[in-house]
Amino acid sequence: MPRPRVPNRRDRILDAAEELVLAHGFDRMSIAAVAEHAGIGKGAVYLEFDGKRGILDALLQRGTARMNARVRDELGDHPASVPRIERLHGRSAKMPS
């Protein structure tokens, strides 16, 4: 009988990989460590990704999507002005001469 699919397997893998990369760096992250940290088997990681580079690509895509969503939340779909962007970063709205 096949094992049931792990709910949110891809997100669990990416969450585990992100934590390991931030703590130890990409070069020290291993598929085995990701699987252990995610609480799944190593084979399940390979069902989602072809290896470390595939995980890295997915982490970068997820990070970019999060950043884009944050910008949309903060500025809307059509930022009207640079001064508003500068206010988000706590800087003066003055433009250089």
PDB file of N, CA and C in Angstrom:
ATOM      1  N   MET A   1       0.850  -1.183   0.000  1.00  0.00           N
ATOM      2  CA  MET A   1       0.000   0.000   0.000  1.00  0.00           C
ATOM      3  C   MET A   1       0.896   1.247   0.000  1.00  0.00           C
ATOM      4  N   PRO A   2       0.666   2.197  -0.916  1.00  0.00           N
ATOM      5  CA  PRO A   2       1.510   3.397  -0.953  1.00  0.00           C
ATOM      6  C   PRO A   2       1.291   4.273   0.279  1.00  0.00           C
ATOM      7  N   ARG A   3       2.358   4.976   0.626  1.00  0.00           N
ATOM      8  CA  ARG A   3       2.273   5.898   1.763  1.00  0.00           C
ATOM      9  C   ARG A   3       1.434   7.107   1.377  1.00  0.00           C
ATOM     10  N   PRO A   4       0.693   7.658   2.338  1.00  0.00           N
ATOM     11  CA  PRO A   4      -0.073   8.868   2.024  1.00  0.00           C
ATOM     12  C   PRO A   4       0.868  10.039   1.776  1.00  0.00           C
ATOM     13  N   ARG A   5       0.446  10.928   0.926  1.00  0.00           N
ATOM     14  CA  ARG A   5       1.250  12.116   0.609  1.00  0.00           C
ATOM     15  C   ARG A   5       1.304  13.040   1.826  1.00  0.00           C
ATOM     16  N   VAL A   6       2.467  13.580   2.073  1.00  0.00           N
ATOM     17  CA  VAL A   6       2.667  14.509   3.187  1.00  0.00           C
ATOM     18  C   VAL A   6       1.990  15.829   2.826  1.00  0.00           C
ATOM     19  N   PRO A   7       1.083  16.317   3.682  1.00  0.00           N
ATOM     20  CA  PRO A   7       0.436  17.608   3.374  1.00  0.00           C
ATOM     21  C   PRO A   7       1.470  18.733   3.294  1.00  0.00           C
ATOM     22  N   ASN A   8       1.315  19.591   2.318  1.00  0.00           N
ATOM     23  CA  ASN A   8       2.203  20.751   2.146  1.00  0.00           C
ATOM     24  C   ASN A   8       3.670  20.353   2.058  1.00  0.00           C
ATOM     25  N   ARG A   9       3.943  19.226   1.421  1.00  0.00           N
ATOM     26  CA  ARG A   9       5.314  18.696   1.365  1.00  0.00           C
ATOM     27  C   ARG A   9       6.290  19.709   0.780  1.00  0.00           C
ATOM     28  N   ARG A  10       5.930  20.314  -0.326  1.00  0.00           N
ATOM     29  CA  ARG A  10       6.835  21.262  -0.983  1.00  0.00           C
ATOM     30  C   ARG A  10       7.159  22.439  -0.059  1.00  0.00           C
ATOM     31  N   ASP A  11       6.146  22.999   0.583  1.00  0.00           N
ATOM     32  CA  ASP A  11       6.384  24.122   1.498  1.00  0.00           C
ATOM     33  C   ASP A  11       7.214  23.693   2.703  1.00  0.00           C
ATOM     34  N   ARG A  12       6.967  22.510   3.219  1.00  0.00           N
ATOM     35  CA  ARG A  12       7.766  22.010   4.352  1.00  0.00           C
ATOM     36  C   ARG A  12       9.230  21.870   3.962  1.00  0.00           C
ATOM     37  N   ILE A  13       9.467  21.369   2.758  1.00  0.00           N
ATOM     38  CA  ILE A  13      10.841  21.225   2.280  1.00  0.00           C
ATOM     39  C   ILE A  13      11.497  22.595   2.136  1.00  0.00           C
ATOM     40  N   LEU A  14      10.784  23.531   1.528  1.00  0.00           N
ATOM     41  CA  LEU A  14      11.353  24.864   1.328  1.00  0.00           C
ATOM     42  C   LEU A  14      11.575  25.585   2.650  1.00  0.00           C
ATOM     43  N   ASP A  15      10.649  25.440   3.588  1.00  0.00           N
ATOM     44  CA  ASP A  15      10.829  26.058   4.906  1.00  0.00           C
ATOM     45  C   ASP A  15      12.080  25.500   5.592  1.00  0.00           C
ATOM     46  N   ALA A  16      12.231  24.177   5.548  1.00  0.00           N
ATOM     47  CA  ALA A  16      13.395  23.540   6.167  1.00  0.00           C
ATOM     48  C   ALA A  16      14.682  23.990   5.474  1.00  0.00           C
ATOM     49  N   ALA A  17      14.670  24.000   4.157  1.00  0.00           N
ATOM     50  CA  ALA A  17      15.859  24.406   3.406  1.00  0.00           C
ATOM     51  C   ALA A  17      16.221  25.853   3.701  1.00  0.00           C
ATOM     52  N   GLU A  18      15.221  26.721   3.762  1.00  0.00           N
ATOM     53  CA  GLU A  18      15.484  28.129   4.043  1.00  0.00           C
ATOM     54  C   GLU A  18      16.139  28.291   5.411  1.00  0.00           C
ATOM     55  N   GLU A  19      15.615  27.601   6.402  1.00  0.00           N
ATOM     56  CA  GLU A  19      16.206  27.687   7.746  1.00  0.00           C
ATOM     57  C   GLU A  19      17.651  27.187   7.741  1.00  0.00           C
ATOM     58  N   LEU A  20      17.898  26.084   7.058  1.00  0.00           N
ATOM     59  CA  LEU A  20      19.259  25.534   7.015  1.00  0.00           C
ATOM     60  C   LEU A  20      20.218  26.433   6.243  1.00  0.00           C
ATOM     61  N   VAL A  21      19.768  26.991   5.141  1.00  0.00           N
ATOM     62  CA  VAL A  21      20.630  27.891   4.367  1.00  0.00           C
ATOM     63  C   VAL A  21      20.968  29.129   5.190  1.00  0.00           C
ATOM     64  N   LEU A  22      19.979  29.693   5.860  1.00  0.00           N
ATOM     65  CA  LEU A  22      20.235  30.887   6.667  1.00  0.00           C
ATOM     66  C   LEU A  22      21.154  30.587   7.852  1.00  0.00           C
ATOM     67  N   ALA A  23      21.035  29.398   8.411  1.00  0.00           N
ATOM     68  CA  ALA A  23      21.846  29.037   9.579  1.00  0.00           C
ATOM     69  C   ALA A  23      23.260  28.593   9.197  1.00  0.00           C
ATOM     70  N   HIS A  24      23.392  27.872   8.076  1.00  0.00           N
ATOM     71  CA  HIS A  24      24.675  27.236   7.769  1.00  0.00           C
ATOM     72  C   HIS A  24      25.231  27.545   6.389  1.00  0.00           C
ATOM     73  N   GLY A  25      24.432  28.160   5.529  1.00  0.00           N
ATOM     74  CA  GLY A  25      24.872  28.440   4.171  1.00  0.00           C
ATOM     75  C   GLY A  25      24.453  27.340   3.213  1.00  0.00           C
ATOM     76  N   PHE A  26      24.339  27.716   1.947  1.00  0.00           N
ATOM     77  CA  PHE A  26      23.876  26.779   0.924  1.00  0.00           C
ATOM     78  C   PHE A  26      24.823  25.593   0.752  1.00  0.00           C
ATOM     79  N   ASP A  27      26.111  25.837   0.755  1.00  0.00           N
ATOM     80  CA  ASP A  27      27.073  24.757   0.529  1.00  0.00           C
ATOM     81  C   ASP A  27      27.012  23.678   1.604  1.00  0.00           C
ATOM     82  N   ARG A  28      26.669  24.050   2.822  1.00  0.00           N
ATOM     83  CA  ARG A  28      26.602  23.070   3.914  1.00  0.00           C
ATOM     84  C   ARG A  28      25.234  22.413   4.031  1.00  0.00           C
ATOM     85  N   MET A  29      24.240  22.914   3.308  1.00  0.00           N
ATOM     86  CA  MET A  29      22.917  22.287   3.318  1.00  0.00           C
ATOM     87  C   MET A  29      22.980  21.002   2.497  1.00  0.00           C
ATOM     88  N   SER A  30      22.362  19.943   2.998  1.00  0.00           N
ATOM     89  CA  SER A  30      22.295  18.695   2.239  1.00  0.00           C
ATOM     90  C   SER A  30      20.839  18.265   2.110  1.00  0.00           C
ATOM     91  N   ILE A  31      20.566  17.439   1.122  1.00  0.00           N
ATOM     92  CA  ILE A  31      19.217  16.916   0.941  1.00  0.00           C
ATOM     93  C   ILE A  31      18.806  16.121   2.180  1.00  0.00           C
ATOM     94  N   ALA A  32      19.734  15.346   2.723  1.00  0.00           N
ATOM     95  CA  ALA A  32      19.434  14.557   3.925  1.00  0.00           C
ATOM     96  C   ALA A  32      19.053  15.465   5.095  1.00  0.00           C
ATOM     97  N   ALA A  33      19.782  16.558   5.262  1.00  0.00           N
ATOM     98  CA  ALA A  33      19.485  17.491   6.362  1.00  0.00           C
ATOM     99  C   ALA A  33      18.136  18.169   6.148  1.00  0.00           C
ATOM    100  N   VAL A  34      17.834  18.530   4.905  1.00  0.00           N
ATOM    101  CA  VAL A  34      16.543  19.145   4.595  1.00  0.00           C
ATOM    102  C   VAL A  34      15.420  18.173   4.932  1.00  0.00           C
ATOM    103  N   ALA A  35      15.573  16.926   4.484  1.00  0.00           N
ATOM    104  CA  ALA A  35      14.545  15.915   4.749  1.00  0.00           C
ATOM    105  C   ALA A  35      14.339  15.725   6.248  1.00  0.00           C
ATOM    106  N   GLU A  36      15.432  15.596   6.977  1.00  0.00           N
ATOM    107  CA  GLU A  36      15.329  15.408   8.428  1.00  0.00           C
ATOM    108  C   GLU A  36      14.652  16.609   9.087  1.00  0.00           C
ATOM    109  N   HIS A  37      15.068  17.798   8.707  1.00  0.00           N
ATOM    110  CA  HIS A  37      14.509  19.025   9.283  1.00  0.00           C
ATOM    111  C   HIS A  37      13.019  19.178   8.956  1.00  0.00           C
ATOM    112  N   ALA A  38      12.625  18.690   7.781  1.00  0.00           N
ATOM    113  CA  ALA A  38      11.223  18.775   7.360  1.00  0.00           C
ATOM    114  C   ALA A  38      10.391  17.624   7.924  1.00  0.00           C
ATOM    115  N   GLY A  39      11.064  16.623   8.476  1.00  0.00           N
ATOM    116  CA  GLY A  39      10.348  15.474   9.033  1.00  0.00           C
ATOM    117  C   GLY A  39       9.794  14.536   7.972  1.00  0.00           C
ATOM    118  N   ILE A  40      10.520  14.420   6.864  1.00  0.00           N
ATOM    119  CA  ILE A  40      10.093  13.536   5.776  1.00  0.00           C
ATOM    120  C   ILE A  40      11.297  12.731   5.298  1.00  0.00           C
ATOM    121  N   GLY A  41      11.058  11.770   4.440  1.00  0.00           N
ATOM    122  CA  GLY A  41      12.139  10.970   3.881  1.00  0.00           C
ATOM    123  C   GLY A  41      12.867  11.706   2.774  1.00  0.00           C
ATOM    124  N   LYS A  42      14.128  11.322   2.576  1.00  0.00           N
ATOM    125  CA  LYS A  42      14.940  11.922   1.519  1.00  0.00           C
ATOM    126  C   LYS A  42      14.319  11.716   0.142  1.00  0.00           C
ATOM    127  N   GLY A  43      13.704  10.573  -0.073  1.00  0.00           N
ATOM    128  CA  GLY A  43      13.060  10.302  -1.354  1.00  0.00           C
ATOM    129  C   GLY A  43      11.937  11.278  -1.651  1.00  0.00           C
ATOM    130  N   ALA A  44      11.243  11.727  -0.600  1.00  0.00           N
ATOM    131  CA  ALA A  44      10.148  12.690  -0.785  1.00  0.00           C
ATOM    132  C   ALA A  44      10.685  14.032  -1.276  1.00  0.00           C
ATOM    133  N   VAL A  45      11.892  14.380  -0.847  1.00  0.00           N
ATOM    134  CA  VAL A  45      12.507  15.626  -1.324  1.00  0.00           C
ATOM    135  C   VAL A  45      12.755  15.508  -2.829  1.00  0.00           C
ATOM    136  N   TYR A  46      13.260  14.348  -3.245  1.00  0.00           N
ATOM    137  CA  TYR A  46      13.544  14.152  -4.668  1.00  0.00           C
ATOM    138  C   TYR A  46      12.283  14.022  -5.515  1.00  0.00           C
ATOM    139  N   LEU A  47      11.156  13.735  -4.891  1.00  0.00           N
ATOM    140  CA  LEU A  47       9.896  13.751  -5.639  1.00  0.00           C
ATOM    141  C   LEU A  47       9.500  15.176  -6.014  1.00  0.00           C
ATOM    142  N   GLU A  48       9.932  16.136  -5.211  1.00  0.00           N
ATOM    143  CA  GLU A  48       9.598  17.546  -5.452  1.00  0.00           C
ATOM    144  C   GLU A  48      10.693  18.290  -6.213  1.00  0.00           C
ATOM    145  N   PHE A  49      11.950  17.944  -5.961  1.00  0.00           N
ATOM    146  CA  PHE A  49      13.087  18.696  -6.520  1.00  0.00           C
ATOM    147  C   PHE A  49      14.135  17.730  -7.051  1.00  0.00           C
ATOM    148  N   ASP A  50      14.877  18.189  -8.052  1.00  0.00           N
ATOM    149  CA  ASP A  50      15.912  17.333  -8.629  1.00  0.00           C
ATOM    150  C   ASP A  50      17.219  17.380  -7.848  1.00  0.00           C
ATOM    151  N   GLY A  51      17.322  18.243  -6.879  1.00  0.00           N
ATOM    152  CA  GLY A  51      18.525  18.346  -6.063  1.00  0.00           C
ATOM    153  C   GLY A  51      18.619  19.705  -5.397  1.00  0.00           C
ATOM    154  N   LYS A  52      19.811  19.996  -4.877  1.00  0.00           N
ATOM    155  CA  LYS A  52      20.022  21.256  -4.153  1.00  0.00           C
ATOM    156  C   LYS A  52      19.764  22.481  -5.014  1.00  0.00           C
ATOM    157  N   ARG A  53      20.208  22.444  -6.252  1.00  0.00           N
ATOM    158  CA  ARG A  53      20.012  23.613  -7.140  1.00  0.00           C
ATOM    159  C   ARG A  53      18.530  23.854  -7.402  1.00  0.00           C
ATOM    160  N   GLY A  54      17.763  22.795  -7.516  1.00  0.00           N
ATOM    161  CA  GLY A  54      16.318  22.942  -7.695  1.00  0.00           C
ATOM    162  C   GLY A  54      15.663  23.576  -6.484  1.00  0.00           C
ATOM    163  N   ILE A  55      16.140  23.196  -5.310  1.00  0.00           N
ATOM    164  CA  ILE A  55      15.625  23.803  -4.078  1.00  0.00           C
ATOM    165  C   ILE A  55      16.010  25.273  -4.029  1.00  0.00           C
ATOM    166  N   LEU A  56      17.262  25.576  -4.369  1.00  0.00           N
ATOM    167  CA  LEU A  56      17.710  26.970  -4.378  1.00  0.00           C
ATOM    168  C   LEU A  56      16.872  27.812  -5.334  1.00  0.00           C
ATOM    169  N   ASP A  57      16.633  27.299  -6.530  1.00  0.00           N
ATOM    170  CA  ASP A  57      15.802  28.022  -7.500  1.00  0.00           C
ATOM    171  C   ASP A  57      14.413  28.296  -6.920  1.00  0.00           C
ATOM    172  N   ALA A  58      13.818  27.291  -6.293  1.00  0.00           N
ATOM    173  CA  ALA A  58      12.481  27.453  -5.709  1.00  0.00           C
ATOM    174  C   ALA A  58      12.503  28.456  -4.551  1.00  0.00           C
ATOM    175  N   LEU A  59      13.569  28.432  -3.744  1.00  0.00           N
ATOM    176  CA  LEU A  59      13.688  29.411  -2.654  1.00  0.00           C
ATOM    177  C   LEU A  59      13.775  30.829  -3.205  1.00  0.00           C
ATOM    178  N   LEU A  60      14.545  31.008  -4.263  1.00  0.00           N
ATOM    179  CA  LEU A  60      14.678  32.339  -4.866  1.00  0.00           C
ATOM    180  C   LEU A  60      13.357  32.797  -5.470  1.00  0.00           C
ATOM    181  N   GLN A  61      12.647  31.898  -6.130  1.00  0.00           N
ATOM    182  CA  GLN A  61      11.339  32.246  -6.698  1.00  0.00           C
ATOM    183  C   GLN A  61      10.342  32.593  -5.600  1.00  0.00           C
ATOM    184  N   ARG A  62      10.348  31.817  -4.529  1.00  0.00           N
ATOM    185  CA  ARG A  62       9.431  32.085  -3.417  1.00  0.00           C
ATOM    186  C   ARG A  62       9.770  33.413  -2.747  1.00  0.00           C
ATOM    187  N   GLY A  63      11.052  33.673  -2.562  1.00  0.00           N
ATOM    188  CA  GLY A  63      11.466  34.938  -1.963  1.00  0.00           C
ATOM    189  C   GLY A  63      11.080  36.128  -2.819  1.00  0.00           C
ATOM    190  N   THR A  64      11.243  35.988  -4.130  1.00  0.00           N
ATOM    191  CA  THR A  64      10.859  37.058  -5.045  1.00  0.00           C
ATOM    192  C   THR A  64       9.348  37.284  -5.007  1.00  0.00           C
ATOM    193  N   ALA A  65       8.585  36.211  -4.973  1.00  0.00           N
ATOM    194  CA  ALA A  65       7.119  36.335  -4.898  1.00  0.00           C
ATOM    195  C   ALA A  65       6.702  37.023  -3.601  1.00  0.00           C
ATOM    196  N   ARG A  66       7.360  36.673  -2.509  1.00  0.00           N
ATOM    197  CA  ARG A  66       7.049  37.318  -1.213  1.00  0.00           C
ATOM    198  C   ARG A  66       7.380  38.805  -1.260  1.00  0.00           C
ATOM    199  N   MET A  67       8.539  39.128  -1.842  1.00  0.00           N
ATOM    200  CA  MET A  67       8.948  40.531  -1.927  1.00  0.00           C
ATOM    201  C   MET A  67       7.969  41.311  -2.803  1.00  0.00           C
ATOM    202  N   ASN A  68       7.572  40.737  -3.939  1.00  0.00           N
ATOM    203  CA  ASN A  68       6.607  41.403  -4.818  1.00  0.00           C
ATOM    204  C   ASN A  68       5.272  41.612  -4.108  1.00  0.00           C
ATOM    205  N   ALA A  69       4.827  40.627  -3.363  1.00  0.00           N
ATOM    206  CA  ALA A  69       3.569  40.759  -2.622  1.00  0.00           C
ATOM    207  C   ALA A  69       3.677  41.860  -1.575  1.00  0.00           C
ATOM    208  N   ARG A  70       4.817  41.936  -0.915  1.00  0.00           N
ATOM    209  CA  ARG A  70       5.006  42.976   0.106  1.00  0.00           C
ATOM    210  C   ARG A  70       4.986  44.364  -0.534  1.00  0.00           C
ATOM    211  N   VAL A  71       5.645  44.502  -1.668  1.00  0.00           N
ATOM    212  CA  VAL A  71       5.654  45.789  -2.370  1.00  0.00           C
ATOM    213  C   VAL A  71       4.236  46.158  -2.788  1.00  0.00           C
ATOM    214  N   ARG A  72       3.487  45.182  -3.350  1.00  0.00           N
ATOM    215  CA  ARG A  72       2.096  45.459  -3.727  1.00  0.00           C
ATOM    216  C   ARG A  72       1.262  45.856  -2.519  1.00  0.00           C
ATOM    217  N   ASP A  73       1.464  45.175  -1.384  1.00  0.00           N
ATOM    218  CA  ASP A  73       0.719  45.521  -0.169  1.00  0.00           C
ATOM    219  C   ASP A  73       1.041  46.929   0.307  1.00  0.00           C
ATOM    220  N   GLU A  74       2.317  47.290   0.212  1.00  0.00           N
ATOM    221  CA  GLU A  74       2.754  48.596   0.705  1.00  0.00           C
ATOM    222  C   GLU A  74       2.449  49.728  -0.275  1.00  0.00           C
ATOM    223  N   LEU A  75       2.621  49.466  -1.573  1.00  0.00           N
ATOM    224  CA  LEU A  75       2.533  50.538  -2.554  1.00  0.00           C
ATOM    225  C   LEU A  75       1.347  50.427  -3.497  1.00  0.00           C
ATOM    226  N   GLY A  76       0.701  49.296  -3.520  1.00  0.00           N
ATOM    227  CA  GLY A  76      -0.361  49.090  -4.493  1.00  0.00           C
ATOM    228  C   GLY A  76       0.239  48.645  -5.807  1.00  0.00           C
ATOM    229  N   ASP A  77      -0.587  48.475  -6.805  1.00  0.00           N
ATOM    230  CA  ASP A  77      -0.106  47.995  -8.095  1.00  0.00           C
ATOM    231  C   ASP A  77       0.629  49.060  -8.904  1.00  0.00           C
ATOM    232  N   HIS A  78       0.362  50.337  -8.625  1.00  0.00           N
ATOM    233  CA  HIS A  78       0.975  51.432  -9.382  1.00  0.00           C
ATOM    234  C   HIS A  78       1.516  52.478  -8.417  1.00  0.00           C
ATOM    235  N   PRO A  79       2.753  52.294  -7.945  1.00  0.00           N
ATOM    236  CA  PRO A  79       3.309  53.299  -7.032  1.00  0.00           C
ATOM    237  C   PRO A  79       3.292  54.677  -7.683  1.00  0.00           C
ATOM    238  N   ALA A  80       2.749  55.638  -6.957  1.00  0.00           N
ATOM    239  CA  ALA A  80       2.555  56.968  -7.527  1.00  0.00           C
ATOM    240  C   ALA A  80       3.803  57.832  -7.458  1.00  0.00           C
ATOM    241  N   SER A  81       4.649  57.603  -6.440  1.00  0.00           N
ATOM    242  CA  SER A  81       5.769  58.527  -6.305  1.00  0.00           C
ATOM    243  C   SER A  81       6.926  57.907  -5.543  1.00  0.00           C
ATOM    244  N   VAL A  82       8.100  58.393  -5.828  1.00  0.00           N
ATOM    245  CA  VAL A  82       9.295  57.978  -5.119  1.00  0.00           C
ATOM    246  C   VAL A  82       9.240  58.393  -3.659  1.00  0.00           C
ATOM    247  N   PRO A  83       8.736  59.591  -3.324  1.00  0.00           N
ATOM    248  CA  PRO A  83       8.704  59.961  -1.909  1.00  0.00           C
ATOM    249  C   PRO A  83       7.978  58.936  -1.045  1.00  0.00           C
ATOM    250  N   ARG A  84       6.935  58.318  -1.551  1.00  0.00           N
ATOM    251  CA  ARG A  84       6.236  57.310  -0.761  1.00  0.00           C
ATOM    252  C   ARG A  84       7.143  56.112  -0.505  1.00  0.00           C
ATOM    253  N   ILE A  85       7.903  55.702  -1.502  1.00  0.00           N
ATOM    254  CA  ILE A  85       8.845  54.601  -1.326  1.00  0.00           C
ATOM    255  C   ILE A  85       9.865  54.969  -0.256  1.00  0.00           C
ATOM    256  N   GLU A  86      10.376  56.190  -0.316  1.00  0.00           N
ATOM    257  CA  GLU A  86      11.367  56.617   0.664  1.00  0.00           C
ATOM    258  C   GLU A  86      10.779  56.639   2.078  1.00  0.00           C
ATOM    259  N   ARG A  87       9.523  57.007   2.225  1.00  0.00           N
ATOM    260  CA  ARG A  87       8.903  56.992   3.555  1.00  0.00           C
ATOM    261  C   ARG A  87       8.854  55.584   4.120  1.00  0.00           C
ATOM    262  N   LEU A  88       8.682  54.576   3.270  1.00  0.00           N
ATOM    263  CA  LEU A  88       8.659  53.195   3.743  1.00  0.00           C
ATOM    264  C   LEU A  88       9.982  52.796   4.353  1.00  0.00           C
ATOM    265  N   HIS A  89      11.047  53.418   3.892  1.00  0.00           N
ATOM    266  CA  HIS A  89      12.371  53.105   4.408  1.00  0.00           C
ATOM    267  C   HIS A  89      12.837  54.095   5.472  1.00  0.00           C
ATOM    268  N   GLY A  90      11.956  54.972   5.899  1.00  0.00           N
ATOM    269  CA  GLY A  90      12.284  55.902   6.962  1.00  0.00           C
ATOM    270  C   GLY A  90      13.221  57.020   6.535  1.00  0.00           C
ATOM    271  N   ARG A  91      13.295  57.294   5.253  1.00  0.00           N
ATOM    272  CA  ARG A  91      14.151  58.371   4.756  1.00  0.00           C
ATOM    273  C   ARG A  91      13.331  59.592   4.441  1.00  0.00           C
ATOM    274  N   SER A  92      14.013  60.658   4.317  1.00  0.00           N
ATOM    275  CA  SER A  92      13.380  61.913   3.909  1.00  0.00           C
ATOM    276  C   SER A  92      12.865  61.792   2.490  1.00  0.00           C
ATOM    277  N   ALA A  93      11.815  62.502   2.196  1.00  0.00           N
ATOM    278  CA  ALA A  93      11.227  62.477   0.855  1.00  0.00           C
ATOM    279  C   ALA A  93      11.934  63.446  -0.081  1.00  0.00           C
ATOM    280  N   LYS A  94      12.989  64.118   0.383  1.00  0.00           N
ATOM    281  CA  LYS A  94      13.701  65.068  -0.465  1.00  0.00           C
ATOM    282  C   LYS A  94      14.486  64.339  -1.533  1.00  0.00           C
ATOM    283  N   MET A  95      14.418  64.880  -2.721  1.00  0.00           N
ATOM    284  CA  MET A  95      15.165  64.328  -3.845  1.00  0.00           C
ATOM    285  C   MET A  95      16.488  65.092  -3.940  1.00  0.00           C
ATOM    286  N   PRO A  96      17.572  64.410  -4.322  1.00  0.00           N
ATOM    287  CA  PRO A  96      18.853  65.124  -4.454  1.00  0.00           C
ATOM    288  C   PRO A  96      18.794  66.145  -5.576  1.00  0.00           C
ATOM    289  N   SER A  97      19.545  67.230  -5.410  1.00  0.00           N
ATOM    290  CA  SER A  97      19.572  68.295  -6.427  1.00  0.00           C
ATOM    291  C   SER A  97      20.494  67.942  -7.548  1.00  0.00           C
TER     292      SER A  97
END
